[in-house]
Amino acid sequence: MTEVELDRPPPTDDARRRAARILAHVRGLTDEFVEFVSELARMESPTDDPGSQEPVQAHIASALEPLGFSVRRIAARGVGDHFLARPRTRSGPLQLLVGHTDTVWPHGTLAGMPVQVVDGRLHGPGTLDMKGGVSQMVFALRTLTELGLEPPATPVIFLNTDEEIGSPDSKRHVRRLARIASRCFVPEPALAPDGRIKTARKGVGRFRVSLRGRAAHAGLEPEAGASAIRELAHWIAGLDALNDPESGTTLNVGVVHGGTRANVVAAEASAEIDVRVLSTAEGERVEKRIREMPIRDPRVVARVTGGFASVPLERTPRNRRLWAEALRAGDALGFELAEATAGGGSDGNTTSLYTATLDGLGCVGDGPHADHEHLRIDATVDRCALLATLLLAPIGR
């Protein structure tokens, strides 16, 4: 446990009373929360259909505008326009809430995966990742407004439409907003069914190695050929040796292509590689090793393209201080919180470069990107209270 984590004075009586009011209020909105998430989930919004984002955003706007928020769309290239909401009257520092309205689910998914409540769980495409998390933003802000509680920093909401493909268009906006924010909360799904907060995320790299050899007849003069496939086999073995699960470094060669016919020495071969690392320094080390992989057959030429699409979300001092605030808020609410490292990336990886970031504050459930996707209603509503309480935390403590 770090020194920052130990700096956890117990909540004051006033803080406990305020947290109790927030929790009771949010729990009283449970039915409305479930209906709101359900409505969003019934609006199918795959990333590859830009127009499908508009009804989702309009529904969110209809809930934020009565709370005094001004909403506008930010023009995007190749994907749906992004969504920005901020109070009409604002001053002082900003705190950023980041999420997304796109999902991995294609149109027609609802026919075999309906939105429904079963045994205290809300099932359906996008309920967990992350229309439930977007709804938590709305209901946390609604709770603060209805209780007359003023956050110390102006909450600004940014929802993109391309997160599920790595935020290629919106990342520039995420960077811009994170640079001017005092802190950032990302209500992506909590990790695992027990709802651990994601205080670290691995950086994600995508690389492609293309090898060019020399073709020859495999029966008449194989020695005249330079097999790109044989060279690729050596590369794959070398890449596998870079795996270090204990330090969190994993490499996976997921796609391989090569050759034309069985009786031809392969002139071309290629592989696509997924890389996950826990620190920027480790990412630099692994990338250097990939790009400097030795060639066994000097007649073969290698070309490596790609890189790290998202840097790691690391447990930096400012991120640890924000985690300590979450622990204090949990204490006030009577919640036991746990942290974990996630193997996948999010926009929190980007915001963490510029401001204190806490990720995985969203829904508690299971099955993101899977046909059993669902959120646990009671636990998710309680996390909405946690988000509302965190929005009230002092800036820069």
Protein backbone atom coordinates (compact mmCIF):
# COMPACT_ATOMS: atom_id res chain seq x y z
CA MET A 1 0.00 0.00 0.00
CA THR A 2 1.36 3.41 -0.94
CA GLU A 3 1.78 6.41 1.32
CA VAL A 4 -1.01 8.20 -0.54
CA GLU A 5 -3.45 5.39 0.20
CA LEU A 6 -2.62 5.53 3.91
CA ASP A 7 -3.61 9.19 4.01
CA ARG A 8 -7.25 8.33 4.68
CA PRO A 9 -8.66 10.22 7.64
CA PRO A 10 -12.08 8.87 8.58
CA PRO A 11 -15.07 10.78 7.16
CA THR A 12 -16.50 13.53 9.33
CA ASP A 13 -20.01 13.20 10.70
CA ASP A 14 -21.14 15.84 8.20
CA ALA A 15 -19.61 13.85 5.34
CA ARG A 16 -21.38 10.70 6.47
CA ARG A 17 -24.72 12.50 6.75
CA ARG A 18 -24.32 14.03 3.29
CA ALA A 19 -23.35 10.66 1.81
CA ALA A 20 -26.39 9.04 3.44
CA ARG A 21 -28.64 11.67 1.84
CA ILE A 22 -27.07 11.05 -1.56
CA LEU A 23 -27.38 7.28 -1.26
CA ALA A 24 -31.02 7.43 -0.17
CA HIS A 25 -31.87 9.83 -2.99
CA VAL A 26 -30.17 7.76 -5.68
CA ARG A 27 -31.79 4.56 -4.46
CA GLY A 28 -35.15 6.30 -4.65
CA LEU A 29 -34.52 6.84 -8.38
CA THR A 30 -33.80 3.17 -9.10
CA ASP A 31 -36.87 2.52 -11.26
CA GLU A 32 -36.25 5.67 -13.29
CA PHE A 33 -32.58 4.73 -13.68
CA VAL A 34 -33.45 1.27 -15.00
CA GLU A 35 -35.93 2.73 -17.47
CA PHE A 36 -33.41 5.33 -18.64
CA VAL A 37 -30.71 2.74 -19.29
CA SER A 38 -33.26 0.48 -20.98
CA GLU A 39 -34.31 3.24 -23.34
CA LEU A 40 -30.70 3.91 -24.31
CA ALA A 41 -30.01 0.19 -24.83
CA ARG A 42 -33.05 -0.14 -27.09
CA MET A 43 -31.48 2.48 -29.36
CA GLU A 44 -28.92 0.35 -31.17
CA SER A 45 -25.81 2.43 -31.81
CA PRO A 46 -22.97 0.48 -33.45
CA THR A 47 -19.80 2.48 -34.04
CA ASP A 48 -19.98 1.95 -37.81
CA ASP A 49 -23.36 3.69 -38.14
CA PRO A 50 -22.77 7.41 -37.45
CA GLY A 51 -26.46 8.28 -37.59
CA SER A 52 -27.35 5.77 -34.91
CA GLN A 53 -25.63 7.90 -32.25
CA GLU A 54 -28.06 10.80 -32.63
CA PRO A 55 -31.12 9.29 -30.88
CA VAL A 56 -28.96 8.17 -27.96
CA GLN A 57 -27.44 11.62 -27.60
CA ALA A 58 -30.83 13.30 -27.88
CA HIS A 59 -32.19 11.17 -25.03
CA ILE A 60 -29.21 12.06 -22.84
CA ALA A 61 -29.55 15.73 -23.71
CA SER A 62 -33.23 15.69 -22.74
CA ALA A 63 -32.19 14.62 -19.23
CA LEU A 64 -29.27 17.05 -18.85
CA GLU A 65 -30.86 20.23 -20.18
CA PRO A 66 -33.38 20.50 -17.31
CA LEU A 67 -30.38 20.32 -14.95
CA GLY A 68 -28.99 23.51 -16.46
CA PHE A 69 -26.61 21.96 -18.97
CA SER A 70 -25.90 23.28 -22.43
CA VAL A 71 -25.38 20.54 -25.00
CA ARG A 72 -23.60 20.65 -28.32
CA ARG A 73 -22.33 18.20 -30.92
CA ILE A 74 -18.72 18.19 -32.02
CA ALA A 75 -18.28 17.35 -35.70
CA ALA A 76 -16.42 14.10 -36.34
CA ARG A 77 -14.75 12.48 -39.33
CA GLY A 78 -15.90 9.00 -40.34
CA VAL A 79 -17.93 8.38 -37.17
CA GLY A 80 -20.90 9.95 -35.43
CA ASP A 81 -20.60 13.46 -34.03
CA HIS A 82 -19.40 13.58 -30.43
CA PHE A 83 -21.33 15.04 -27.47
CA LEU A 84 -20.30 17.77 -25.05
CA ALA A 85 -22.36 19.04 -22.13
CA ARG A 86 -21.49 21.71 -19.57
CA PRO A 87 -23.50 23.93 -17.22
CA ARG A 88 -24.82 27.11 -18.78
CA THR A 89 -23.36 29.10 -15.91
CA ARG A 90 -19.92 28.00 -14.79
CA SER A 91 -16.78 29.31 -13.21
CA GLY A 92 -13.64 28.00 -11.60
CA PRO A 93 -11.95 24.66 -12.25
CA LEU A 94 -13.39 21.86 -14.37
CA GLN A 95 -13.85 18.18 -13.63
CA LEU A 96 -14.33 15.91 -16.61
CA LEU A 97 -16.64 12.94 -17.06
CA VAL A 98 -15.78 10.82 -20.11
CA GLY A 99 -17.82 8.07 -21.74
CA HIS A 100 -19.09 6.81 -25.07
CA THR A 101 -22.39 6.14 -26.81
CA ASP A 102 -21.16 3.63 -29.40
CA THR A 103 -21.35 -0.13 -28.85
CA VAL A 104 -19.86 -3.21 -30.46
CA TRP A 105 -23.29 -4.63 -31.25
CA PRO A 106 -24.59 -4.54 -34.86
CA HIS A 107 -28.11 -3.58 -35.82
CA GLY A 108 -30.56 -6.40 -35.19
CA THR A 109 -28.90 -7.65 -32.00
CA LEU A 110 -31.97 -6.78 -29.95
CA ALA A 111 -33.98 -9.49 -31.72
CA GLY A 112 -31.97 -12.22 -30.01
CA MET A 113 -30.69 -10.25 -27.02
CA PRO A 114 -33.62 -8.20 -25.70
CA VAL A 115 -33.42 -5.57 -23.00
CA GLN A 116 -34.98 -7.15 -19.93
CA VAL A 117 -34.75 -7.34 -16.15
CA VAL A 118 -34.11 -10.82 -14.75
CA ASP A 119 -33.35 -11.53 -11.10
CA GLY A 120 -32.16 -8.02 -10.32
CA ARG A 121 -30.03 -7.76 -13.45
CA LEU A 122 -30.64 -5.56 -16.46
CA HIS A 123 -29.68 -7.45 -19.60
CA GLY A 124 -29.18 -6.14 -23.12
CA PRO A 125 -26.62 -4.89 -25.65
CA GLY A 126 -24.68 -1.93 -24.28
CA THR A 127 -26.28 -1.95 -20.84
CA LEU A 128 -22.92 -2.55 -19.16
CA ASP A 129 -20.58 -1.02 -21.75
CA MET A 130 -21.43 1.68 -21.38
CA LYS A 131 -24.94 3.07 -21.56
CA GLY A 132 -25.35 2.24 -17.90
CA GLY A 133 -22.23 4.27 -17.11
CA VAL A 134 -23.51 7.24 -19.13
CA SER A 135 -26.77 6.99 -17.22
CA GLN A 136 -24.83 7.06 -13.95
CA MET A 137 -23.39 10.43 -14.96
CA VAL A 138 -26.88 11.78 -15.57
CA PHE A 139 -28.36 10.49 -12.34
CA ALA A 140 -25.38 11.50 -10.21
CA LEU A 141 -25.70 15.07 -11.50
CA ARG A 142 -29.46 14.99 -11.10
CA THR A 143 -29.05 13.89 -7.49
CA LEU A 144 -26.67 16.74 -6.69
CA THR A 145 -29.04 19.25 -8.29
CA GLU A 146 -32.12 17.96 -6.50
CA LEU A 147 -30.31 17.93 -3.15
CA GLY A 148 -28.91 21.41 -3.70
CA LEU A 149 -25.30 20.24 -3.48
CA GLU A 150 -22.73 22.28 -5.41
CA PRO A 151 -19.57 20.54 -6.69
CA PRO A 152 -16.29 22.38 -6.11
CA ALA A 153 -15.46 22.10 -9.82
CA THR A 154 -17.72 22.46 -12.83
CA PRO A 155 -18.68 19.04 -14.26
CA VAL A 156 -18.19 18.71 -18.01
CA ILE A 157 -19.39 15.62 -19.89
CA PHE A 158 -17.73 14.38 -23.07
CA LEU A 159 -19.22 11.35 -24.84
CA ASN A 160 -17.53 10.06 -27.97
CA THR A 161 -18.83 7.76 -30.68
CA ASP A 162 -15.67 5.85 -31.60
CA GLU A 163 -14.33 4.47 -28.31
CA GLU A 164 -14.97 0.88 -29.32
CA ILE A 165 -12.50 1.25 -32.19
CA GLY A 166 -9.84 3.08 -30.18
CA SER A 167 -11.15 6.68 -30.39
CA PRO A 168 -9.27 7.55 -33.61
CA ASP A 169 -11.24 10.75 -34.21
CA SER A 170 -12.16 11.79 -30.68
CA LYS A 171 -8.80 11.31 -28.98
CA ARG A 172 -7.77 14.86 -29.91
CA HIS A 173 -10.83 16.21 -28.07
CA VAL A 174 -10.20 13.97 -25.08
CA ARG A 175 -6.65 15.33 -24.86
CA ARG A 176 -7.81 18.93 -25.16
CA LEU A 177 -10.37 18.60 -22.39
CA ALA A 178 -8.10 16.59 -20.10
CA ARG A 179 -5.41 19.27 -20.31
CA ILE A 180 -7.75 21.85 -18.75
CA ALA A 181 -9.48 19.55 -16.23
CA SER A 182 -8.55 19.25 -12.56
CA ARG A 183 -9.50 15.57 -12.63
CA CYS A 184 -11.37 13.01 -14.71
CA PHE A 185 -13.87 10.30 -13.86
CA VAL A 186 -14.50 7.49 -16.36
CA PRO A 187 -17.60 5.36 -15.60
CA GLU A 188 -16.51 2.46 -17.77
CA PRO A 189 -17.71 -0.87 -16.30
CA ALA A 190 -16.12 -1.93 -13.05
CA LEU A 191 -13.87 -4.98 -13.30
CA ALA A 192 -15.30 -8.45 -12.63
CA PRO A 193 -18.64 -9.24 -11.02
CA ASP A 194 -17.40 -7.93 -7.66
CA GLY A 195 -16.97 -4.44 -9.12
CA ARG A 196 -13.32 -3.52 -8.65
CA ILE A 197 -12.28 0.00 -9.64
CA LYS A 198 -9.76 0.15 -12.50
CA THR A 199 -6.85 2.08 -11.03
CA ALA A 200 -4.52 0.82 -13.76
CA ARG A 201 -4.95 -0.23 -17.36
CA LYS A 202 -2.49 -1.76 -19.72
CA GLY A 203 -1.26 0.10 -22.74
CA VAL A 204 -2.28 -1.53 -26.00
CA GLY A 205 -0.05 -1.87 -29.05
CA ARG A 206 -0.83 -3.20 -32.51
CA PHE A 207 2.04 -4.16 -34.79
CA ARG A 208 2.32 -5.76 -38.18
CA VAL A 209 5.47 -7.43 -39.46
CA SER A 210 5.73 -7.93 -43.22
CA LEU A 211 8.47 -10.18 -44.58
CA ARG A 212 9.64 -10.28 -48.19
CA GLY A 213 11.73 -13.27 -49.29
CA ARG A 214 12.37 -14.94 -52.64
CA ALA A 215 10.12 -17.42 -54.42
CA ALA A 216 11.44 -20.69 -55.87
CA HIS A 217 10.14 -24.08 -56.90
CA ALA A 218 9.97 -26.19 -53.74
CA GLY A 219 10.91 -29.37 -55.60
CA LEU A 220 13.35 -28.28 -58.30
CA GLU A 221 15.49 -25.64 -56.56
CA PRO A 222 14.34 -24.93 -53.00
CA GLU A 223 17.81 -23.61 -52.13
CA ALA A 224 17.25 -20.73 -54.54
CA GLY A 225 14.35 -19.52 -52.46
CA ALA A 226 14.30 -17.49 -49.26
CA SER A 227 11.23 -18.50 -47.29
CA ALA A 228 9.38 -15.61 -45.68
CA ILE A 229 7.27 -18.14 -43.77
CA ARG A 230 10.31 -19.83 -42.25
CA GLU A 231 11.65 -16.42 -41.22
CA LEU A 232 8.26 -15.55 -39.75
CA ALA A 233 8.36 -18.73 -37.67
CA HIS A 234 11.61 -17.50 -36.10
CA TRP A 235 10.00 -14.13 -35.48
CA ILE A 236 7.02 -15.69 -33.76
CA ALA A 237 9.32 -17.66 -31.46
CA GLY A 238 11.23 -14.47 -30.69
CA LEU A 239 8.03 -12.54 -29.99
CA ASP A 240 6.79 -15.27 -27.70
CA ALA A 241 10.00 -14.99 -25.68
CA LEU A 242 9.12 -11.36 -24.90
CA ASN A 243 6.09 -12.44 -22.88
CA ASP A 244 6.50 -11.74 -19.17
CA PRO A 245 3.20 -12.39 -17.40
CA GLU A 246 4.67 -11.60 -13.99
CA SER A 247 5.42 -8.02 -15.04
CA GLY A 248 2.15 -7.76 -16.98
CA THR A 249 3.66 -7.90 -20.46
CA THR A 250 1.82 -10.04 -23.00
CA LEU A 251 2.27 -10.46 -26.75
CA ASN A 252 -0.10 -12.39 -28.97
CA VAL A 253 0.41 -13.18 -32.65
CA GLY A 254 -3.24 -13.32 -33.60
CA VAL A 255 -3.22 -13.24 -37.42
CA VAL A 256 -0.75 -14.85 -39.84
CA HIS A 257 -0.67 -14.80 -43.63
CA GLY A 258 1.87 -16.22 -46.04
CA GLY A 259 2.66 -18.10 -49.22
CA THR A 260 0.75 -18.82 -52.39
CA ARG A 261 0.99 -22.58 -53.03
CA ALA A 262 2.39 -25.58 -51.20
CA ASN A 263 5.02 -26.22 -53.90
CA VAL A 264 6.36 -22.64 -53.90
CA VAL A 265 8.90 -21.30 -51.40
CA ALA A 266 6.97 -18.43 -49.84
CA ALA A 267 8.08 -15.02 -51.01
CA GLU A 268 5.82 -13.14 -48.58
CA ALA A 269 4.49 -13.59 -45.05
CA SER A 270 3.03 -11.31 -42.42
CA ALA A 271 1.76 -11.37 -38.86
CA GLU A 272 -0.36 -9.07 -36.70
CA ILE A 273 0.64 -8.73 -33.07
CA ASP A 274 -1.26 -7.52 -30.01
CA VAL A 275 0.94 -6.15 -27.19
CA ARG A 276 -0.13 -5.23 -23.64
CA VAL A 277 2.11 -3.52 -21.09
CA LEU A 278 1.70 -1.91 -17.68
CA SER A 279 4.11 1.01 -18.09
CA THR A 280 5.24 3.38 -20.77
CA ALA A 281 8.86 2.37 -20.18
CA GLU A 282 8.02 -1.30 -20.72
CA GLY A 283 6.16 -0.40 -23.89
CA GLU A 284 9.20 1.39 -25.23
CA ARG A 285 11.40 -1.59 -24.39
CA VAL A 286 9.11 -4.10 -26.09
CA GLU A 287 8.61 -1.94 -29.17
CA LYS A 288 12.38 -1.56 -29.55
CA ARG A 289 12.81 -5.34 -29.35
CA ILE A 290 10.14 -5.92 -31.97
CA ARG A 291 11.63 -3.41 -34.40
CA GLU A 292 15.14 -4.80 -33.87
CA MET A 293 14.25 -8.49 -34.16
CA PRO A 294 17.19 -10.22 -35.89
CA ILE A 295 16.83 -11.70 -39.37
CA ARG A 296 18.09 -15.27 -39.78
CA ASP A 297 18.18 -15.27 -43.59
CA PRO A 298 19.81 -12.09 -44.92
CA ARG A 299 17.89 -12.47 -48.19
CA VAL A 300 14.65 -11.74 -46.35
CA VAL A 301 13.63 -8.12 -45.74
CA ALA A 302 11.42 -7.22 -42.77
CA ARG A 303 9.18 -4.19 -42.30
CA VAL A 304 7.46 -3.40 -39.00
CA THR A 305 4.54 -0.98 -38.84
CA GLY A 306 2.16 0.06 -36.08
CA GLY A 307 2.74 1.10 -32.51
CA PHE A 308 0.95 1.76 -29.25
CA ALA A 309 -2.57 3.05 -29.82
CA SER A 310 -3.06 3.73 -26.11
CA VAL A 311 -0.51 4.33 -23.41
CA PRO A 312 -0.91 2.62 -20.03
CA LEU A 313 -3.04 4.16 -17.32
CA GLU A 314 -0.48 4.02 -14.54
CA ARG A 315 -0.76 4.40 -10.77
CA THR A 316 0.82 7.85 -10.76
CA PRO A 317 0.89 9.95 -7.56
CA ARG A 318 -2.02 12.12 -8.67
CA ASN A 319 -4.05 9.06 -9.68
CA ARG A 320 -3.32 7.51 -6.27
CA ARG A 321 -4.59 10.65 -4.57
CA LEU A 322 -7.83 10.39 -6.54
CA TRP A 323 -8.11 6.72 -5.57
CA ALA A 324 -7.69 7.79 -1.96
CA GLU A 325 -10.65 10.18 -2.46
CA ALA A 326 -12.69 7.24 -3.76
CA LEU A 327 -11.80 5.24 -0.66
CA ARG A 328 -12.87 8.16 1.55
CA ALA A 329 -16.14 8.46 -0.37
CA GLY A 330 -16.68 4.71 -0.01
CA ASP A 331 -16.08 4.96 3.73
CA ALA A 332 -18.68 7.73 4.01
CA LEU A 333 -21.21 5.68 2.04
CA GLY A 334 -20.44 2.47 3.91
CA PHE A 335 -18.96 0.73 0.84
CA GLU A 336 -15.88 -1.48 0.72
CA LEU A 337 -14.00 -0.67 -2.48
CA ALA A 338 -11.28 -2.70 -4.17
CA GLU A 339 -8.94 -1.88 -7.04
CA ALA A 340 -7.58 -3.88 -9.95
CA THR A 341 -5.65 -3.68 -13.21
CA ALA A 342 -7.53 -4.05 -16.49
CA GLY A 343 -5.96 -5.61 -19.56
CA GLY A 344 -7.90 -3.45 -22.01
CA GLY A 345 -7.63 0.26 -22.68
CA SER A 346 -10.13 3.13 -22.53
CA ASP A 347 -10.12 6.89 -22.91
CA GLY A 348 -8.92 6.97 -19.31
CA ASN A 349 -5.51 5.89 -20.63
CA THR A 350 -5.39 9.17 -22.53
CA THR A 351 -6.78 11.48 -19.83
CA SER A 352 -4.31 10.07 -17.31
CA LEU A 353 -1.47 11.65 -19.29
CA TYR A 354 -2.79 15.11 -18.44
CA THR A 355 -4.89 14.94 -15.27
CA ALA A 356 -5.77 12.75 -12.29
CA THR A 357 -7.98 9.94 -13.59
CA LEU A 358 -10.12 7.26 -11.99
CA ASP A 359 -11.55 4.60 -14.32
CA GLY A 360 -13.96 1.71 -13.89
CA LEU A 361 -16.38 3.74 -11.78
CA GLY A 362 -19.33 2.50 -13.79
CA CYS A 363 -21.72 -0.40 -13.69
CA VAL A 364 -21.18 -3.56 -11.71
CA GLY A 365 -22.05 -6.57 -13.87
CA ASP A 366 -20.64 -9.03 -16.33
CA GLY A 367 -20.38 -9.87 -20.03
CA PRO A 368 -19.15 -6.74 -21.81
CA HIS A 369 -19.07 -7.53 -25.56
CA ALA A 370 -20.71 -10.90 -24.79
CA ASP A 371 -24.25 -12.14 -25.25
CA HIS A 372 -24.82 -12.36 -21.49
CA GLU A 373 -24.03 -8.66 -21.00
CA HIS A 374 -25.82 -7.27 -17.97
CA LEU A 375 -25.54 -4.94 -15.01
CA ARG A 376 -26.53 -5.64 -11.42
CA ILE A 377 -29.14 -3.01 -10.67
CA ASP A 378 -28.67 -2.44 -6.93
CA ALA A 379 -24.87 -2.43 -7.03
CA THR A 380 -24.86 -0.12 -10.07
CA VAL A 381 -27.23 2.36 -8.47
CA ASP A 382 -24.97 2.45 -5.41
CA ARG A 383 -22.01 3.23 -7.70
CA CYS A 384 -24.04 6.17 -8.98
CA ALA A 385 -24.05 7.45 -5.40
CA LEU A 386 -20.28 6.95 -5.28
CA LEU A 387 -19.84 9.07 -8.42
CA ALA A 388 -22.06 11.82 -6.99
CA THR A 389 -20.05 11.82 -3.77
CA LEU A 390 -16.75 11.97 -5.67
CA LEU A 391 -17.96 14.98 -7.67
CA LEU A 392 -18.20 16.80 -4.34
CA ALA A 393 -14.66 15.90 -3.20
CA PRO A 394 -12.35 18.89 -2.68
CA ILE A 395 -10.05 19.74 -5.56
CA GLY A 396 -6.35 19.18 -5.03
CA ARG A 397 -6.49 17.52 -1.62
